[in-house]
Amino acid sequence: MDPDDDLDPQDNRRGWAERSGEYSPEYYAHIGPNDVSETIATAIDYYAADEAAILEIGCSSGRHLAHLLDNGFENLTGIDINDESFDVMAEYFPELAATGTFHTGAIEDVLPGFEDDAFDVIYSVETLQHVHPDDEWVFEELTRVTSDLLVTAENEGNGPQRGRKDDVNYVQGEFPLFYRDWHAVFTDLGLAQLLCERGNRDTVRVFRTP
């Protein structure tokens, strides 16, 4: 399937900006932190300093950031395209909402506004997998903006075709999930992979800048 025949980048982003119900900010806030939150926190705790400046790409209502805050990380920033994310955050995670820094918008629009090496750590949980192929330039922006670590927790698919570049799955027939080989994506951009941990759903990878 060629995703360009079915959904252009603007439609892709609009779908997430207007998302309600399942996979919405309130949906994830109600679930709260999970095992991926634990893995992200453990990896950042091992590889980064407590005072590290941390950015989450696609933070939604902040369940992973709230877990980091509970684990002693205080310099926290998030980006999300859905402007309801931060109202929901204020209800479910008020301490995070009061202390963090948050930006509403598509990562394709927000990231170019950051200076080089603006953050020590950038991470994404099931967000980069929804980036349209026409917007893959944003992956290089991530390597520009982080000074040290990039952590991905993405669904890479299963079986022998795991991570195949042209493999796309329309979740519930609604929105695309693009399976990618994130090791190849970011090592091709000059990062070194430090860790790969495969879970039932997502693969967590930790990369370090040169």
N, C-alpha and C. Protein backbone atom coordinates (compact mmCIF):
# COMPACT_ATOMS: atom_id res chain seq x y z
N MET A 1 0.85 -1.20 0.00
CA MET A 1 0.00 0.00 0.00
C MET A 1 0.88 1.24 0.00
N ASP A 2 0.58 2.17 -0.87
CA ASP A 2 1.30 3.45 -0.90
C ASP A 2 0.52 4.45 -0.07
N PRO A 3 1.03 4.89 1.10
CA PRO A 3 0.28 5.80 1.95
C PRO A 3 0.00 7.13 1.29
N ASP A 4 0.86 7.52 0.31
CA ASP A 4 0.64 8.80 -0.34
C ASP A 4 -0.65 8.81 -1.15
N ASP A 5 -1.13 7.60 -1.53
CA ASP A 5 -2.37 7.52 -2.29
C ASP A 5 -3.59 7.70 -1.40
N ASP A 6 -3.43 7.55 -0.10
CA ASP A 6 -4.57 7.51 0.79
C ASP A 6 -4.66 8.68 1.77
N LEU A 7 -3.51 9.26 2.13
CA LEU A 7 -3.54 10.28 3.17
C LEU A 7 -2.36 11.22 2.99
N ASP A 8 -2.65 12.51 2.85
CA ASP A 8 -1.52 13.43 2.73
C ASP A 8 -1.09 13.89 4.12
N PRO A 9 0.09 14.51 4.24
CA PRO A 9 0.61 14.88 5.56
C PRO A 9 -0.32 15.79 6.37
N GLN A 10 -0.98 16.73 5.71
CA GLN A 10 -1.86 17.64 6.44
C GLN A 10 -3.05 16.89 7.03
N ASP A 11 -3.63 15.97 6.26
CA ASP A 11 -4.74 15.17 6.77
C ASP A 11 -4.27 14.29 7.93
N ASN A 12 -3.08 13.76 7.81
CA ASN A 12 -2.52 12.93 8.87
C ASN A 12 -2.41 13.70 10.17
N ARG A 13 -1.85 14.91 10.09
CA ARG A 13 -1.70 15.73 11.30
C ARG A 13 -3.04 16.19 11.84
N ARG A 14 -3.96 16.55 10.95
CA ARG A 14 -5.28 17.04 11.38
C ARG A 14 -6.02 15.95 12.17
N GLY A 15 -5.87 14.71 11.75
CA GLY A 15 -6.54 13.63 12.45
C GLY A 15 -6.12 13.53 13.91
N TRP A 16 -4.83 13.74 14.18
CA TRP A 16 -4.35 13.68 15.57
C TRP A 16 -4.68 14.96 16.34
N ALA A 17 -4.70 16.08 15.66
CA ALA A 17 -5.02 17.35 16.33
C ALA A 17 -6.46 17.36 16.83
N GLU A 18 -7.33 16.64 16.15
CA GLU A 18 -8.76 16.64 16.49
C GLU A 18 -9.20 15.36 17.17
N ARG A 19 -8.25 14.53 17.58
CA ARG A 19 -8.58 13.20 18.10
C ARG A 19 -9.36 13.27 19.40
N SER A 20 -10.44 12.50 19.49
CA SER A 20 -11.21 12.34 20.73
C SER A 20 -11.50 10.85 20.91
N GLY A 21 -11.96 10.48 22.10
CA GLY A 21 -12.26 9.08 22.34
C GLY A 21 -11.00 8.25 22.46
N GLU A 22 -10.98 7.09 21.79
CA GLU A 22 -9.83 6.20 21.87
C GLU A 22 -8.58 6.87 21.31
N TYR A 23 -7.47 6.74 22.03
CA TYR A 23 -6.16 7.31 21.68
C TYR A 23 -6.12 8.83 21.81
N SER A 24 -7.07 9.40 22.51
CA SER A 24 -7.08 10.85 22.76
C SER A 24 -6.29 11.16 24.03
N PRO A 25 -6.02 12.44 24.32
CA PRO A 25 -5.31 12.79 25.56
C PRO A 25 -5.99 12.25 26.81
N GLU A 26 -7.33 12.32 26.90
CA GLU A 26 -8.01 11.82 28.09
C GLU A 26 -7.93 10.30 28.18
N TYR A 27 -7.96 9.64 27.04
CA TYR A 27 -7.83 8.18 27.00
C TYR A 27 -6.51 7.76 27.64
N TYR A 28 -5.42 8.42 27.26
CA TYR A 28 -4.11 8.05 27.79
C TYR A 28 -3.93 8.50 29.24
N ALA A 29 -4.52 9.64 29.59
CA ALA A 29 -4.43 10.09 30.98
C ALA A 29 -5.12 9.11 31.91
N HIS A 30 -6.24 8.57 31.47
CA HIS A 30 -6.97 7.61 32.30
C HIS A 30 -6.15 6.33 32.51
N ILE A 31 -5.42 5.90 31.48
CA ILE A 31 -4.57 4.72 31.60
C ILE A 31 -3.41 4.99 32.55
N GLY A 32 -2.80 6.16 32.43
CA GLY A 32 -1.68 6.53 33.29
C GLY A 32 -0.37 5.89 32.86
N PRO A 33 0.69 6.07 33.65
CA PRO A 33 1.99 5.48 33.32
C PRO A 33 1.91 3.96 33.19
N ASN A 34 2.79 3.40 32.35
CA ASN A 34 2.77 1.95 32.12
C ASN A 34 4.19 1.41 32.10
N ASP A 35 4.36 0.20 31.60
CA ASP A 35 5.68 -0.41 31.60
C ASP A 35 6.65 0.34 30.70
N VAL A 36 6.16 0.96 29.62
CA VAL A 36 7.03 1.76 28.77
C VAL A 36 7.53 2.99 29.52
N SER A 37 6.64 3.59 30.34
CA SER A 37 7.06 4.71 31.19
C SER A 37 8.23 4.29 32.07
N GLU A 38 8.13 3.09 32.64
CA GLU A 38 9.18 2.56 33.51
C GLU A 38 10.48 2.38 32.73
N THR A 39 10.39 1.80 31.55
CA THR A 39 11.58 1.56 30.74
C THR A 39 12.25 2.87 30.34
N ILE A 40 11.45 3.85 29.92
CA ILE A 40 11.98 5.16 29.54
C ILE A 40 12.69 5.79 30.73
N ALA A 41 12.05 5.78 31.89
CA ALA A 41 12.64 6.39 33.09
C ALA A 41 13.94 5.69 33.48
N THR A 42 13.95 4.37 33.40
CA THR A 42 15.15 3.61 33.76
C THR A 42 16.30 3.93 32.80
N ALA A 43 16.01 4.00 31.51
CA ALA A 43 17.04 4.30 30.53
C ALA A 43 17.60 5.70 30.71
N ILE A 44 16.73 6.67 30.93
CA ILE A 44 17.19 8.04 31.11
C ILE A 44 17.97 8.17 32.40
N ASP A 45 17.51 7.50 33.45
CA ASP A 45 18.22 7.53 34.72
C ASP A 45 19.63 6.96 34.58
N TYR A 46 19.78 5.94 33.77
CA TYR A 46 21.08 5.28 33.60
C TYR A 46 22.04 6.13 32.75
N TYR A 47 21.52 6.72 31.68
CA TYR A 47 22.40 7.37 30.71
C TYR A 47 22.50 8.88 30.88
N ALA A 48 21.58 9.51 31.60
CA ALA A 48 21.55 10.97 31.68
C ALA A 48 21.62 11.45 33.12
N ALA A 49 21.95 12.72 33.29
CA ALA A 49 22.02 13.32 34.62
C ALA A 49 20.62 13.69 35.09
N ASP A 50 20.47 13.82 36.42
CA ASP A 50 19.16 14.16 36.99
C ASP A 50 18.65 15.51 36.49
N GLU A 51 19.58 16.42 36.22
CA GLU A 51 19.18 17.76 35.80
C GLU A 51 19.02 17.87 34.28
N ALA A 52 19.06 16.77 33.58
CA ALA A 52 18.95 16.78 32.12
C ALA A 52 17.69 17.49 31.65
N ALA A 53 17.84 18.27 30.59
CA ALA A 53 16.69 18.90 29.93
C ALA A 53 16.08 17.86 28.99
N ILE A 54 14.81 17.52 29.23
CA ILE A 54 14.17 16.40 28.55
C ILE A 54 12.95 16.89 27.76
N LEU A 55 12.85 16.44 26.52
CA LEU A 55 11.72 16.78 25.66
C LEU A 55 11.02 15.50 25.23
N GLU A 56 9.69 15.46 25.42
CA GLU A 56 8.90 14.36 24.85
C GLU A 56 8.19 14.84 23.59
N ILE A 57 8.34 14.07 22.52
CA ILE A 57 7.66 14.32 21.26
C ILE A 57 6.30 13.62 21.31
N GLY A 58 5.22 14.38 21.15
CA GLY A 58 3.89 13.78 21.22
C GLY A 58 3.54 13.36 22.63
N CYS A 59 3.62 14.31 23.55
CA CYS A 59 3.48 13.99 24.98
C CYS A 59 2.05 13.72 25.40
N SER A 60 1.06 14.08 24.55
CA SER A 60 -0.35 13.94 24.91
C SER A 60 -0.59 14.63 26.26
N SER A 61 -1.31 13.96 27.16
CA SER A 61 -1.63 14.58 28.46
C SER A 61 -0.54 14.37 29.50
N GLY A 62 0.57 13.73 29.12
CA GLY A 62 1.75 13.76 29.97
C GLY A 62 1.99 12.59 30.89
N ARG A 63 1.43 11.43 30.60
CA ARG A 63 1.58 10.32 31.55
C ARG A 63 3.04 9.87 31.69
N HIS A 64 3.81 9.89 30.60
CA HIS A 64 5.22 9.48 30.70
C HIS A 64 6.06 10.57 31.38
N LEU A 65 5.79 11.82 31.05
CA LEU A 65 6.49 12.92 31.71
C LEU A 65 6.18 12.96 33.20
N ALA A 66 4.93 12.68 33.56
CA ALA A 66 4.56 12.67 34.99
C ALA A 66 5.34 11.59 35.73
N HIS A 67 5.58 10.47 35.07
CA HIS A 67 6.37 9.40 35.69
C HIS A 67 7.82 9.85 35.87
N LEU A 68 8.35 10.57 34.88
CA LEU A 68 9.71 11.10 35.03
C LEU A 68 9.78 12.10 36.18
N LEU A 69 8.77 12.95 36.30
CA LEU A 69 8.73 13.91 37.40
C LEU A 69 8.72 13.18 38.74
N ASP A 70 7.96 12.13 38.84
CA ASP A 70 7.91 11.34 40.08
C ASP A 70 9.25 10.68 40.39
N ASN A 71 10.08 10.52 39.35
CA ASN A 71 11.38 9.87 39.53
C ASN A 71 12.53 10.88 39.61
N GLY A 72 12.20 12.15 39.87
CA GLY A 72 13.22 13.13 40.18
C GLY A 72 13.68 14.01 39.04
N PHE A 73 13.15 13.82 37.83
CA PHE A 73 13.51 14.68 36.71
C PHE A 73 12.57 15.88 36.67
N GLU A 74 13.13 17.08 36.64
CA GLU A 74 12.31 18.28 36.78
C GLU A 74 12.34 19.21 35.58
N ASN A 75 13.34 19.08 34.72
CA ASN A 75 13.47 19.97 33.56
C ASN A 75 12.78 19.31 32.37
N LEU A 76 11.45 19.42 32.32
CA LEU A 76 10.64 18.65 31.39
C LEU A 76 9.88 19.54 30.42
N THR A 77 9.88 19.14 29.16
CA THR A 77 9.19 19.87 28.09
C THR A 77 8.42 18.86 27.24
N GLY A 78 7.28 19.28 26.72
CA GLY A 78 6.51 18.40 25.85
C GLY A 78 5.93 19.14 24.67
N ILE A 79 5.73 18.41 23.58
CA ILE A 79 5.05 18.93 22.39
C ILE A 79 3.89 18.00 22.08
N ASP A 80 2.73 18.58 21.80
CA ASP A 80 1.63 17.77 21.31
C ASP A 80 0.76 18.58 20.37
N ILE A 81 0.24 17.91 19.36
CA ILE A 81 -0.54 18.58 18.32
C ILE A 81 -1.98 18.84 18.75
N ASN A 82 -2.45 18.09 19.75
CA ASN A 82 -3.84 18.21 20.21
C ASN A 82 -3.90 19.20 21.36
N ASP A 83 -4.55 20.34 21.16
CA ASP A 83 -4.53 21.39 22.18
C ASP A 83 -5.33 21.03 23.42
N GLU A 84 -6.11 19.93 23.38
CA GLU A 84 -6.79 19.48 24.59
C GLU A 84 -5.84 18.77 25.55
N SER A 85 -4.66 18.41 25.06
CA SER A 85 -3.71 17.65 25.88
C SER A 85 -3.40 18.34 27.19
N PHE A 86 -3.24 19.64 27.15
CA PHE A 86 -2.74 20.34 28.32
C PHE A 86 -3.84 20.71 29.31
N ASP A 87 -5.07 20.81 28.83
CA ASP A 87 -6.21 20.93 29.76
C ASP A 87 -6.39 19.62 30.51
N VAL A 88 -6.27 18.50 29.79
CA VAL A 88 -6.38 17.19 30.44
C VAL A 88 -5.22 16.99 31.40
N MET A 89 -4.03 17.42 31.02
CA MET A 89 -2.87 17.32 31.91
C MET A 89 -3.10 18.07 33.22
N ALA A 90 -3.67 19.25 33.13
CA ALA A 90 -3.92 20.05 34.33
C ALA A 90 -4.86 19.33 35.28
N GLU A 91 -5.76 18.51 34.74
CA GLU A 91 -6.71 17.78 35.57
C GLU A 91 -6.09 16.52 36.18
N TYR A 92 -5.35 15.77 35.37
CA TYR A 92 -4.82 14.47 35.81
C TYR A 92 -3.43 14.57 36.43
N PHE A 93 -2.60 15.47 35.93
CA PHE A 93 -1.22 15.60 36.39
C PHE A 93 -0.91 17.06 36.68
N PRO A 94 -1.56 17.64 37.69
CA PRO A 94 -1.44 19.10 37.93
C PRO A 94 -0.03 19.56 38.25
N GLU A 95 0.75 18.75 38.95
CA GLU A 95 2.13 19.18 39.27
C GLU A 95 2.95 19.30 38.00
N LEU A 96 2.80 18.36 37.11
CA LEU A 96 3.51 18.42 35.83
C LEU A 96 3.07 19.65 35.04
N ALA A 97 1.77 19.89 34.97
CA ALA A 97 1.25 21.03 34.22
C ALA A 97 1.78 22.34 34.76
N ALA A 98 1.98 22.40 36.08
CA ALA A 98 2.43 23.64 36.72
C ALA A 98 3.92 23.87 36.57
N THR A 99 4.70 22.81 36.38
CA THR A 99 6.16 22.96 36.39
C THR A 99 6.82 22.75 35.04
N GLY A 100 6.15 22.05 34.11
CA GLY A 100 6.77 21.77 32.82
C GLY A 100 6.56 22.90 31.82
N THR A 101 7.19 22.75 30.66
CA THR A 101 7.04 23.69 29.55
C THR A 101 6.43 22.94 28.38
N PHE A 102 5.36 23.52 27.79
CA PHE A 102 4.62 22.76 26.80
C PHE A 102 4.31 23.60 25.57
N HIS A 103 4.32 22.92 24.43
CA HIS A 103 4.11 23.56 23.13
C HIS A 103 3.00 22.82 22.39
N THR A 104 2.03 23.57 21.88
CA THR A 104 0.96 22.98 21.08
C THR A 104 1.31 23.14 19.61
N GLY A 105 1.31 22.04 18.90
CA GLY A 105 1.58 22.10 17.47
C GLY A 105 2.16 20.81 16.96
N ALA A 106 2.25 20.70 15.64
CA ALA A 106 2.88 19.55 15.01
C ALA A 106 4.38 19.62 15.24
N ILE A 107 5.01 18.47 15.43
CA ILE A 107 6.46 18.48 15.65
C ILE A 107 7.17 19.05 14.43
N GLU A 108 6.58 18.89 13.24
CA GLU A 108 7.18 19.44 12.04
C GLU A 108 7.22 20.96 12.08
N ASP A 109 6.30 21.58 12.83
CA ASP A 109 6.26 23.03 12.95
C ASP A 109 7.05 23.54 14.15
N VAL A 110 7.07 22.77 15.23
CA VAL A 110 7.68 23.25 16.48
C VAL A 110 9.19 23.01 16.53
N LEU A 111 9.64 21.83 16.11
CA LEU A 111 11.07 21.49 16.24
C LEU A 111 12.00 22.49 15.55
N PRO A 112 11.69 22.97 14.34
CA PRO A 112 12.62 23.90 13.71
C PRO A 112 12.86 25.19 14.50
N GLY A 113 11.99 25.50 15.44
CA GLY A 113 12.16 26.70 16.25
C GLY A 113 13.14 26.55 17.40
N PHE A 114 13.58 25.33 17.69
CA PHE A 114 14.54 25.10 18.76
C PHE A 114 15.97 25.25 18.24
N GLU A 115 16.85 25.73 19.11
CA GLU A 115 18.26 25.85 18.76
C GLU A 115 18.92 24.47 18.71
N ASP A 116 20.06 24.39 18.09
CA ASP A 116 20.85 23.16 18.10
C ASP A 116 21.14 22.75 19.54
N ASP A 117 21.06 21.45 19.82
CA ASP A 117 21.41 20.91 21.14
C ASP A 117 20.59 21.53 22.27
N ALA A 118 19.32 21.85 21.99
CA ALA A 118 18.48 22.52 22.98
C ALA A 118 18.14 21.61 24.15
N PHE A 119 18.16 20.28 23.94
CA PHE A 119 17.78 19.34 24.98
C PHE A 119 18.87 18.27 25.12
N ASP A 120 19.02 17.78 26.35
CA ASP A 120 19.94 16.68 26.59
C ASP A 120 19.36 15.35 26.15
N VAL A 121 18.05 15.22 26.31
CA VAL A 121 17.35 13.98 25.98
C VAL A 121 16.06 14.31 25.24
N ILE A 122 15.82 13.61 24.16
CA ILE A 122 14.53 13.65 23.47
C ILE A 122 14.01 12.23 23.38
N TYR A 123 12.71 12.04 23.66
CA TYR A 123 12.15 10.71 23.50
C TYR A 123 10.76 10.78 22.89
N SER A 124 10.36 9.65 22.33
CA SER A 124 9.05 9.53 21.70
C SER A 124 8.47 8.17 22.03
N VAL A 125 7.20 8.14 22.37
CA VAL A 125 6.49 6.88 22.61
C VAL A 125 5.33 6.80 21.61
N GLU A 126 5.46 5.92 20.64
CA GLU A 126 4.40 5.67 19.65
C GLU A 126 3.92 6.97 18.98
N THR A 127 4.87 7.83 18.65
CA THR A 127 4.55 9.06 17.94
C THR A 127 5.26 9.12 16.60
N LEU A 128 6.55 8.83 16.57
CA LEU A 128 7.29 8.88 15.32
C LEU A 128 6.74 7.88 14.31
N GLN A 129 6.10 6.82 14.80
CA GLN A 129 5.54 5.81 13.90
C GLN A 129 4.38 6.34 13.06
N HIS A 130 3.84 7.48 13.45
CA HIS A 130 2.74 8.07 12.69
C HIS A 130 3.19 9.21 11.77
N VAL A 131 4.47 9.51 11.73
CA VAL A 131 4.98 10.56 10.84
C VAL A 131 4.87 10.10 9.39
N HIS A 132 4.25 10.92 8.57
CA HIS A 132 4.05 10.59 7.16
C HIS A 132 5.40 10.54 6.44
N PRO A 133 5.57 9.66 5.45
CA PRO A 133 6.84 9.59 4.72
C PRO A 133 7.30 10.93 4.14
N ASP A 134 6.36 11.80 3.77
CA ASP A 134 6.76 13.10 3.24
C ASP A 134 7.40 13.99 4.31
N ASP A 135 7.21 13.64 5.58
CA ASP A 135 7.74 14.45 6.68
C ASP A 135 8.93 13.80 7.38
N GLU A 136 9.56 12.83 6.74
CA GLU A 136 10.66 12.13 7.39
C GLU A 136 11.88 13.03 7.64
N TRP A 137 11.92 14.19 7.03
CA TRP A 137 12.99 15.15 7.31
C TRP A 137 13.04 15.53 8.79
N VAL A 138 11.91 15.35 9.49
CA VAL A 138 11.84 15.74 10.89
C VAL A 138 12.74 14.85 11.76
N PHE A 139 13.08 13.65 11.29
CA PHE A 139 13.98 12.79 12.06
C PHE A 139 15.37 13.42 12.18
N GLU A 140 15.82 14.07 11.13
CA GLU A 140 17.10 14.78 11.20
C GLU A 140 17.02 15.96 12.15
N GLU A 141 15.85 16.61 12.21
CA GLU A 141 15.66 17.69 13.18
C GLU A 141 15.83 17.19 14.61
N LEU A 142 15.34 15.99 14.88
CA LEU A 142 15.51 15.43 16.22
C LEU A 142 16.97 15.28 16.58
N THR A 143 17.79 14.82 15.63
CA THR A 143 19.21 14.65 15.92
C THR A 143 19.90 16.00 16.09
N ARG A 144 19.37 17.02 15.45
CA ARG A 144 19.94 18.37 15.60
C ARG A 144 19.65 18.97 16.96
N VAL A 145 18.44 18.72 17.46
CA VAL A 145 17.98 19.39 18.68
C VAL A 145 18.47 18.70 19.95
N THR A 146 18.80 17.41 19.88
CA THR A 146 19.31 16.75 21.07
C THR A 146 20.83 16.81 21.12
N SER A 147 21.36 17.09 22.31
CA SER A 147 22.81 17.15 22.49
C SER A 147 23.41 15.83 22.92
N ASP A 148 22.56 14.87 23.35
CA ASP A 148 23.11 13.65 23.91
C ASP A 148 22.31 12.41 23.52
N LEU A 149 21.08 12.28 24.02
CA LEU A 149 20.33 11.04 23.85
C LEU A 149 19.04 11.23 23.05
N LEU A 150 18.71 10.20 22.27
CA LEU A 150 17.42 10.10 21.62
C LEU A 150 16.87 8.72 21.93
N VAL A 151 15.65 8.66 22.48
CA VAL A 151 15.05 7.40 22.88
C VAL A 151 13.76 7.22 22.09
N THR A 152 13.62 6.06 21.44
CA THR A 152 12.39 5.76 20.70
C THR A 152 11.72 4.54 21.30
N ALA A 153 10.41 4.62 21.45
CA ALA A 153 9.59 3.48 21.87
C ALA A 153 8.46 3.39 20.85
N GLU A 154 8.70 2.62 19.81
CA GLU A 154 7.79 2.59 18.66
C GLU A 154 7.44 1.16 18.29
N ASN A 155 6.30 1.02 17.64
CA ASN A 155 5.86 -0.28 17.13
C ASN A 155 6.54 -0.51 15.79
N GLU A 156 7.39 -1.51 15.72
CA GLU A 156 8.16 -1.77 14.50
C GLU A 156 7.59 -2.93 13.69
N GLY A 157 6.43 -3.45 14.09
CA GLY A 157 5.86 -4.57 13.38
C GLY A 157 6.43 -5.88 13.88
N ASN A 158 6.04 -6.97 13.25
CA ASN A 158 6.46 -8.30 13.69
C ASN A 158 6.90 -9.14 12.50
N GLY A 159 7.58 -10.20 12.81
CA GLY A 159 7.96 -11.16 11.78
C GLY A 159 9.15 -10.73 10.96
N PRO A 160 9.41 -11.46 9.85
CA PRO A 160 10.61 -11.19 9.05
C PRO A 160 10.62 -9.83 8.37
N GLN A 161 9.44 -9.22 8.22
CA GLN A 161 9.38 -7.91 7.58
C GLN A 161 9.41 -6.77 8.60
N ARG A 162 9.74 -7.07 9.85
CA ARG A 162 9.76 -6.07 10.92
C ARG A 162 10.59 -4.86 10.51
N GLY A 163 9.97 -3.68 10.61
CA GLY A 163 10.68 -2.45 10.32
C GLY A 163 10.83 -2.14 8.85
N ARG A 164 10.17 -2.88 7.97
CA ARG A 164 10.29 -2.62 6.54
C ARG A 164 9.78 -1.22 6.22
N LYS A 165 10.55 -0.46 5.46
CA LYS A 165 10.25 0.95 5.25
C LYS A 165 8.88 1.21 4.64
N ASP A 166 8.45 0.34 3.71
CA ASP A 166 7.21 0.61 2.99
C ASP A 166 6.01 -0.09 3.59
N ASP A 167 6.15 -0.59 4.82
CA ASP A 167 5.07 -1.32 5.48
C ASP A 167 4.23 -0.35 6.29
N VAL A 168 2.93 -0.31 6.03
CA VAL A 168 2.04 0.60 6.74
C VAL A 168 0.78 -0.16 7.14
N ASN A 169 0.28 0.12 8.33
CA ASN A 169 -0.93 -0.51 8.84
C ASN A 169 -1.91 0.59 9.22
N TYR A 170 -3.12 0.52 8.68
CA TYR A 170 -4.13 1.49 9.08
C TYR A 170 -4.86 0.96 10.31
N VAL A 171 -4.62 1.58 11.46
CA VAL A 171 -5.16 1.12 12.72
C VAL A 171 -6.67 1.34 12.73
N GLN A 172 -7.39 0.26 12.90
CA GLN A 172 -8.85 0.29 12.89
C GLN A 172 -9.38 1.00 11.64
N GLY A 173 -8.60 0.99 10.58
CA GLY A 173 -9.00 1.62 9.33
C GLY A 173 -9.01 3.13 9.36
N GLU A 174 -8.46 3.73 10.44
CA GLU A 174 -8.57 5.17 10.63
C GLU A 174 -7.30 5.94 10.33
N PHE A 175 -6.18 5.52 10.91
CA PHE A 175 -4.96 6.33 10.78
C PHE A 175 -3.76 5.41 10.57
N PRO A 176 -2.75 5.91 9.87
CA PRO A 176 -1.64 5.05 9.48
C PRO A 176 -0.57 4.91 10.56
N LEU A 177 -0.04 3.71 10.66
CA LEU A 177 1.12 3.42 11.49
C LEU A 177 2.18 2.91 10.51
N PHE A 178 3.27 3.67 10.39
CA PHE A 178 4.33 3.34 9.45
C PHE A 178 5.42 2.56 10.18
N TYR A 179 5.58 1.29 9.82
CA TYR A 179 6.63 0.49 10.44
C TYR A 179 7.98 0.90 9.85
N ARG A 180 8.93 1.20 10.74
CA ARG A 180 10.26 1.60 10.28
C ARG A 180 11.31 0.87 11.10
N ASP A 181 12.48 0.73 10.51
CA ASP A 181 13.65 0.20 11.21
C ASP A 181 14.35 1.40 11.85
N TRP A 182 14.01 1.66 13.11
CA TRP A 182 14.53 2.88 13.75
C TRP A 182 16.03 2.81 13.98
N HIS A 183 16.57 1.61 14.10
CA HIS A 183 18.02 1.50 14.18
C HIS A 183 18.65 2.08 12.91
N ALA A 184 18.14 1.67 11.76
CA ALA A 184 18.69 2.16 10.50
C ALA A 184 18.44 3.66 10.33
N VAL A 185 17.24 4.12 10.68
CA VAL A 185 16.91 5.54 10.52
C VAL A 185 17.93 6.42 11.22
N PHE A 186 18.20 6.12 12.50
CA PHE A 186 19.02 7.05 13.27
C PHE A 186 20.52 6.75 13.21
N THR A 187 20.91 5.52 12.97
CA THR A 187 22.35 5.29 12.76
C THR A 187 22.77 5.87 11.41
N ASP A 188 21.88 5.85 10.42
CA ASP A 188 22.19 6.49 9.14
C ASP A 188 22.36 8.00 9.30
N LEU A 189 21.76 8.57 10.33
CA LEU A 189 21.89 10.00 10.61
C LEU A 189 23.06 10.29 11.56
N GLY A 190 23.85 9.27 11.87
CA GLY A 190 25.08 9.49 12.63
C GLY A 190 25.01 9.15 14.10
N LEU A 191 23.88 8.68 14.61
CA LEU A 191 23.78 8.33 16.03
C LEU A 191 24.25 6.89 16.25
N ALA A 192 24.65 6.60 17.47
CA ALA A 192 25.06 5.25 17.85
C ALA A 192 24.01 4.65 18.76
N GLN A 193 23.59 3.42 18.48
CA GLN A 193 22.61 2.76 19.33
C GLN A 193 23.29 2.16 20.55
N LEU A 194 22.77 2.51 21.73
CA LEU A 194 23.31 2.01 23.00
C LEU A 194 22.50 0.84 23.54
N LEU A 195 21.20 0.82 23.24
CA LEU A 195 20.31 -0.16 23.86
C LEU A 195 19.16 -0.47 22.91
N CYS A 196 18.76 -1.73 22.88
CA CYS A 196 17.55 -2.15 22.18
C CYS A 196 16.83 -3.15 23.06
N GLU A 197 15.59 -2.82 23.44
CA GLU A 197 14.79 -3.72 24.27
C GLU A 197 13.43 -3.91 23.61
N ARG A 198 13.16 -5.14 23.18
CA ARG A 198 11.92 -5.43 22.49
C ARG A 198 10.84 -5.87 23.48
N GLY A 199 9.67 -5.24 23.40
CA GLY A 199 8.54 -5.63 24.23
C GLY A 199 7.46 -6.28 23.40
N ASN A 200 6.33 -6.58 24.03
CA ASN A 200 5.22 -7.21 23.32
C ASN A 200 4.65 -6.31 22.23
N ARG A 201 4.73 -5.01 22.45
CA ARG A 201 4.13 -4.05 21.52
C ARG A 201 5.18 -3.14 20.89
N ASP A 202 6.04 -2.56 21.72
CA ASP A 202 7.00 -1.58 21.25
C ASP A 202 8.44 -2.06 21.41
N THR A 203 9.31 -1.48 20.62
CA THR A 203 10.75 -1.68 20.76
C THR A 203 11.35 -0.37 21.26
N VAL A 204 12.03 -0.43 22.40
CA VAL A 204 12.67 0.76 22.96
C VAL A 204 14.13 0.75 22.51
N ARG A 205 14.56 1.85 21.94
CA ARG A 205 15.94 2.01 21.51
C ARG A 205 16.51 3.30 22.09
N VAL A 206 17.74 3.24 22.55
CA VAL A 206 18.43 4.42 23.06
C VAL A 206 19.61 4.71 22.14
N PHE A 207 19.65 5.94 21.62
CA PHE A 207 20.72 6.38 20.72
C PHE A 207 21.50 7.52 21.39
N ARG A 208 22.77 7.62 21.03
CA ARG A 208 23.60 8.73 21.53
C ARG A 208 24.20 9.48 20.35
N THR A 209 24.25 10.79 20.48
CA THR A 209 24.83 11.63 19.43
C THR A 209 26.35 11.50 19.45
N PRO A 210 27.01 11.80 18.35
CA PRO A 210 28.48 11.69 18.29
C PRO A 210 29.15 12.63 19.28
